[in-house]
């Protein structure tokens, strides 16, 4: 998963869209990586959300599920040529990564619940999901196939 000219990294609270033959990758902990892919036009993207709901006046929409996901879907349609009817979702991450006073804070679970709710409202089917646990995730989207290579640290690589 080295950076090569056709692999682009999606940062925390960011979103990227690209077409085949390019790849997108990101690292996740409690954040959720939402992979949207349209197999008809071979365009896909990753949205890397940090929190379920926007609070305050932060202008970065893509950090939050409630503002980032509708924006991301609209961008895939407008700039990528995707259609809502053929778009598929895969979600990853949402691990329990933070501990306070001996208790794990489950931001990841709240992120996942909000993402699932919004995708259902938007009419986009989740075709694969690997979430939870206590370890980080490394995901790579291949826009030629729509396959997502998922590596959970210390476990075998799986393809979704």
C-alpha atoms as a PDB file:
ATOM      1  CA  UNK A   1       0.000   0.000   0.000  1.00  0.00           C
ATOM      2  CA  UNK A   2       2.770   2.396  -0.891  1.00  0.00           C
ATOM      3  CA  UNK A   3       2.083   5.813  -2.359  1.00  0.00           C
ATOM      4  CA  UNK A   4       2.346   5.457  -6.111  1.00  0.00           C
ATOM      5  CA  UNK A   5       0.997   7.835  -8.742  1.00  0.00           C
ATOM      6  CA  UNK A   6      -2.394   6.075  -8.771  1.00  0.00           C
ATOM      7  CA  UNK A   7      -2.888   5.709  -4.974  1.00  0.00           C
ATOM      8  CA  UNK A   8      -4.237   8.724  -3.115  1.00  0.00           C
ATOM      9  CA  UNK A   9      -4.466   9.060   0.659  1.00  0.00           C
ATOM     10  CA  UNK A  10      -7.633  10.306   2.343  1.00  0.00           C
ATOM     11  CA  UNK A  11      -6.860  12.169   5.563  1.00  0.00           C
ATOM     12  CA  UNK A  12      -8.855  12.383   8.776  1.00  0.00           C
ATOM     13  CA  UNK A  13     -12.053  14.370   8.268  1.00  0.00           C
ATOM     14  CA  UNK A  14     -11.531  14.434   4.509  1.00  0.00           C
ATOM     15  CA  UNK A  15     -13.100  13.005   1.349  1.00  0.00           C
ATOM     16  CA  UNK A  16     -11.687  12.095  -2.044  1.00  0.00           C
ATOM     17  CA  UNK A  17     -13.309  10.835  -5.231  1.00  0.00           C
ATOM     18  CA  UNK A  18     -11.541   9.209  -8.172  1.00  0.00           C
ATOM     19  CA  UNK A  19     -12.148   6.989 -11.193  1.00  0.00           C
ATOM     20  CA  UNK A  20     -10.575   3.755 -12.369  1.00  0.00           C
ATOM     21  CA  UNK A  21      -7.657   2.885 -12.453  1.00  0.00           C
ATOM     22  CA  UNK A  22      -6.891   4.913  -9.329  1.00  0.00           C
ATOM     23  CA  UNK A  23      -6.937   3.741  -5.718  1.00  0.00           C
ATOM     24  CA  UNK A  24      -7.808   5.502  -2.460  1.00  0.00           C
ATOM     25  CA  UNK A  25      -6.567   4.571   0.995  1.00  0.00           C
ATOM     26  CA  UNK A  26      -7.016   5.680   4.584  1.00  0.00           C
ATOM     27  CA  UNK A  27      -6.219   4.656   8.158  1.00  0.00           C
ATOM     28  CA  UNK A  28      -9.063   4.390  10.669  1.00  0.00           C
ATOM     29  CA  UNK A  29      -9.527   3.972  14.398  1.00  0.00           C
ATOM     30  CA  UNK A  30     -12.770   5.186  15.970  1.00  0.00           C
ATOM     31  CA  UNK A  31     -13.429   7.100  12.754  1.00  0.00           C
ATOM     32  CA  UNK A  32     -15.598   5.527  10.066  1.00  0.00           C
ATOM     33  CA  UNK A  33     -14.468   5.215   6.478  1.00  0.00           C
ATOM     34  CA  UNK A  34     -17.427   5.277   4.119  1.00  0.00           C
ATOM     35  CA  UNK A  35     -16.594   3.859   0.706  1.00  0.00           C
ATOM     36  CA  UNK A  36     -19.091   4.757  -1.999  1.00  0.00           C
ATOM     37  CA  UNK A  37     -18.728   3.115  -5.400  1.00  0.00           C
ATOM     38  CA  UNK A  38     -20.708   3.166  -8.641  1.00  0.00           C
ATOM     39  CA  UNK A  39     -19.832   0.048 -10.681  1.00  0.00           C
ATOM     40  CA  UNK A  40     -21.516   1.429 -13.811  1.00  0.00           C
ATOM     41  CA  UNK A  41     -19.042   4.312 -14.208  1.00  0.00           C
ATOM     42  CA  UNK A  42     -16.237   2.873 -12.032  1.00  0.00           C
ATOM     43  CA  UNK A  43     -16.062   5.914  -9.791  1.00  0.00           C
ATOM     44  CA  UNK A  44     -15.577   5.726  -6.071  1.00  0.00           C
ATOM     45  CA  UNK A  45     -14.623   7.668  -3.031  1.00  0.00           C
ATOM     46  CA  UNK A  46     -13.779   7.496   0.625  1.00  0.00           C
ATOM     47  CA  UNK A  47     -15.200   9.800   3.275  1.00  0.00           C
ATOM     48  CA  UNK A  48     -13.278   9.652   6.577  1.00  0.00           C
ATOM     49  CA  UNK A  49     -15.609  10.974   9.286  1.00  0.00           C
ATOM     50  CA  UNK A  50     -14.465  11.684  12.856  1.00  0.00           C
ATOM     51  CA  UNK A  51     -17.733  12.320  14.691  1.00  0.00           C
ATOM     52  CA  UNK A  52     -21.428  11.559  14.173  1.00  0.00           C
ATOM     53  CA  UNK A  53     -22.827  15.098  14.371  1.00  0.00           C
ATOM     54  CA  UNK A  54     -21.522  18.583  13.678  1.00  0.00           C
ATOM     55  CA  UNK A  55     -21.482  20.867  16.689  1.00  0.00           C
ATOM     56  CA  UNK A  56     -20.387  24.463  16.846  1.00  0.00           C
ATOM     57  CA  UNK A  57     -19.322  26.425  13.808  1.00  0.00           C
ATOM     58  CA  UNK A  58     -16.612  24.177  12.360  1.00  0.00           C
ATOM     59  CA  UNK A  59     -16.650  24.795   8.600  1.00  0.00           C
ATOM     60  CA  UNK A  60     -15.191  21.368   7.705  1.00  0.00           C
ATOM     61  CA  UNK A  61     -18.338  19.440   6.722  1.00  0.00           C
ATOM     62  CA  UNK A  62     -16.491  16.191   5.967  1.00  0.00           C
ATOM     63  CA  UNK A  63     -15.438  15.641   9.604  1.00  0.00           C
ATOM     64  CA  UNK A  64     -19.007  14.742  10.569  1.00  0.00           C
ATOM     65  CA  UNK A  65     -21.409  12.051   9.361  1.00  0.00           C
ATOM     66  CA  UNK A  66     -24.519  14.259   9.429  1.00  0.00           C
ATOM     67  CA  UNK A  67     -23.001  16.976   7.215  1.00  0.00           C
ATOM     68  CA  UNK A  68     -20.249  15.076   5.389  1.00  0.00           C
ATOM     69  CA  UNK A  69     -22.175  12.100   4.079  1.00  0.00           C
ATOM     70  CA  UNK A  70     -24.955  14.005   2.229  1.00  0.00           C
ATOM     71  CA  UNK A  71     -22.266  16.366   0.816  1.00  0.00           C
ATOM     72  CA  UNK A  72     -20.106  13.381  -0.241  1.00  0.00           C
ATOM     73  CA  UNK A  73     -23.013  11.651  -1.997  1.00  0.00           C
ATOM     74  CA  UNK A  74     -23.871  14.854  -3.851  1.00  0.00           C
ATOM     75  CA  UNK A  75     -20.232  15.301  -4.942  1.00  0.00           C
ATOM     76  CA  UNK A  76     -20.040  11.727  -6.288  1.00  0.00           C
ATOM     77  CA  UNK A  77     -23.149  12.378  -8.372  1.00  0.00           C
ATOM     78  CA  UNK A  78     -22.208  15.907  -9.505  1.00  0.00           C
ATOM     79  CA  UNK A  79     -18.462  15.519 -10.080  1.00  0.00           C
ATOM     80  CA  UNK A  80     -18.045  11.757 -10.496  1.00  0.00           C
ATOM     81  CA  UNK A  81     -21.021  10.926 -12.693  1.00  0.00           C
ATOM     82  CA  UNK A  82     -22.357   8.361 -10.208  1.00  0.00           C
ATOM     83  CA  UNK A  83     -26.067   7.681  -9.894  1.00  0.00           C
ATOM     84  CA  UNK A  84     -27.844   7.126  -6.614  1.00  0.00           C
ATOM     85  CA  UNK A  85     -29.540   3.942  -7.924  1.00  0.00           C
ATOM     86  CA  UNK A  86     -26.279   2.163  -8.706  1.00  0.00           C
ATOM     87  CA  UNK A  87     -24.185   3.509  -5.817  1.00  0.00           C
ATOM     88  CA  UNK A  88     -23.064   0.996  -3.189  1.00  0.00           C
ATOM     89  CA  UNK A  89     -21.657   1.626   0.284  1.00  0.00           C
ATOM     90  CA  UNK A  90     -19.062  -0.222   2.337  1.00  0.00           C
ATOM     91  CA  UNK A  91     -18.216   0.927   5.847  1.00  0.00           C
ATOM     92  CA  UNK A  92     -15.119   0.307   7.946  1.00  0.00           C
ATOM     93  CA  UNK A  93     -13.611   1.371  11.269  1.00  0.00           C
ATOM     94  CA  UNK A  94     -15.467   2.464  14.351  1.00  0.00           C
ATOM     95  CA  UNK A  95     -13.089   0.787  16.788  1.00  0.00           C
ATOM     96  CA  UNK A  96     -13.094   1.436  20.530  1.00  0.00           C
ATOM     97  CA  UNK A  97      -9.775   3.279  20.689  1.00  0.00           C
ATOM     98  CA  UNK A  98      -9.967   5.562  23.717  1.00  0.00           C
ATOM     99  CA  UNK A  99     -10.031   4.695  27.384  1.00  0.00           C
ATOM    100  CA  UNK A 100     -10.822   6.950  30.329  1.00  0.00           C
ATOM    101  CA  UNK A 101     -11.010   5.805  33.936  1.00  0.00           C
ATOM    102  CA  UNK A 102     -10.814   2.180  32.807  1.00  0.00           C
ATOM    103  CA  UNK A 103     -13.767   2.479  30.380  1.00  0.00           C
ATOM    104  CA  UNK A 104     -13.518   2.410  26.612  1.00  0.00           C
ATOM    105  CA  UNK A 105     -15.300   5.382  25.032  1.00  0.00           C
ATOM    106  CA  UNK A 106     -17.289   4.106  22.084  1.00  0.00           C
ATOM    107  CA  UNK A 107     -17.278   7.030  19.657  1.00  0.00           C
ATOM    108  CA  UNK A 108     -16.895   4.474  16.877  1.00  0.00           C
ATOM    109  CA  UNK A 109     -20.269   2.882  17.608  1.00  0.00           C
ATOM    110  CA  UNK A 110     -22.015   6.268  17.563  1.00  0.00           C
ATOM    111  CA  UNK A 111     -20.275   7.080  14.267  1.00  0.00           C
ATOM    112  CA  UNK A 112     -21.437   3.801  12.749  1.00  0.00           C
ATOM    113  CA  UNK A 113     -25.051   4.268  13.910  1.00  0.00           C
ATOM    114  CA  UNK A 114     -25.228   7.742  12.356  1.00  0.00           C
ATOM    115  CA  UNK A 115     -23.646   6.566   9.081  1.00  0.00           C
ATOM    116  CA  UNK A 116     -26.087   3.645   8.789  1.00  0.00           C
ATOM    117  CA  UNK A 117     -29.056   5.949   9.498  1.00  0.00           C
ATOM    118  CA  UNK A 118     -28.006   8.482   6.836  1.00  0.00           C
ATOM    119  CA  UNK A 119     -27.263   5.854   4.175  1.00  0.00           C
ATOM    120  CA  UNK A 120     -30.712   4.340   4.768  1.00  0.00           C
ATOM    121  CA  UNK A 121     -32.335   7.793   4.475  1.00  0.00           C
ATOM    122  CA  UNK A 122     -30.370   8.447   1.263  1.00  0.00           C
ATOM    123  CA  UNK A 123     -31.463   5.086  -0.210  1.00  0.00           C
ATOM    124  CA  UNK A 124     -27.918   3.731  -0.577  1.00  0.00           C
ATOM    125  CA  UNK A 125     -27.431   0.057   0.239  1.00  0.00           C
ATOM    126  CA  UNK A 126     -24.562  -1.081   2.452  1.00  0.00           C
ATOM    127  CA  UNK A 127     -23.100  -4.111   0.658  1.00  0.00           C
ATOM    128  CA  UNK A 128     -20.240  -4.769   3.117  1.00  0.00           C
ATOM    129  CA  UNK A 129     -19.193  -3.662   6.585  1.00  0.00           C
ATOM    130  CA  UNK A 130     -16.311  -4.425   8.930  1.00  0.00           C
ATOM    131  CA  UNK A 131     -16.567  -2.334  12.059  1.00  0.00           C
ATOM    132  CA  UNK A 132     -15.798  -2.403  15.755  1.00  0.00           C
ATOM    133  CA  UNK A 133     -13.017  -4.063  17.669  1.00  0.00           C
ATOM    134  CA  UNK A 134     -10.153  -2.280  19.407  1.00  0.00           C
ATOM    135  CA  UNK A 135      -7.546  -2.155  16.631  1.00  0.00           C
ATOM    136  CA  UNK A 136      -6.923   0.236  13.774  1.00  0.00           C
ATOM    137  CA  UNK A 137      -7.924  -0.367  10.155  1.00  0.00           C
ATOM    138  CA  UNK A 138      -6.054   0.251   6.921  1.00  0.00           C
ATOM    139  CA  UNK A 139      -8.341   0.256   3.849  1.00  0.00           C
ATOM    140  CA  UNK A 140      -7.604   0.508   0.124  1.00  0.00           C
ATOM    141  CA  UNK A 141     -10.308   1.017  -2.542  1.00  0.00           C
ATOM    142  CA  UNK A 142      -9.634  -0.261  -6.059  1.00  0.00           C
ATOM    143  CA  UNK A 143     -11.860   1.804  -8.366  1.00  0.00           C
ATOM    144  CA  UNK A 144     -11.439  -0.690 -11.231  1.00  0.00           C
ATOM    145  CA  UNK A 145     -13.329  -3.359  -9.259  1.00  0.00           C
ATOM    146  CA  UNK A 146     -14.913  -1.660  -6.248  1.00  0.00           C
ATOM    147  CA  UNK A 147     -13.063  -4.091  -3.990  1.00  0.00           C
ATOM    148  CA  UNK A 148     -11.810  -2.816  -0.656  1.00  0.00           C
ATOM    149  CA  UNK A 149      -8.729  -4.399   0.882  1.00  0.00           C
ATOM    150  CA  UNK A 150      -9.060  -4.182   4.660  1.00  0.00           C
ATOM    151  CA  UNK A 151      -6.184  -4.769   7.053  1.00  0.00           C
ATOM    152  CA  UNK A 152      -6.901  -4.772  10.748  1.00  0.00           C
ATOM    153  CA  UNK A 153      -3.600  -4.522  12.543  1.00  0.00           C
ATOM    154  CA  UNK A 154      -2.422  -7.990  13.555  1.00  0.00           C
ATOM    155  CA  UNK A 155      -5.025  -9.852  11.443  1.00  0.00           C
ATOM    156  CA  UNK A 156      -5.048 -11.288   7.898  1.00  0.00           C
ATOM    157  CA  UNK A 157      -6.020  -9.033   4.984  1.00  0.00           C
ATOM    158  CA  UNK A 158      -9.648  -9.383   3.840  1.00  0.00           C
ATOM    159  CA  UNK A 159     -11.276  -8.231   0.608  1.00  0.00           C
ATOM    160  CA  UNK A 160     -14.766  -6.714   0.741  1.00  0.00           C
END
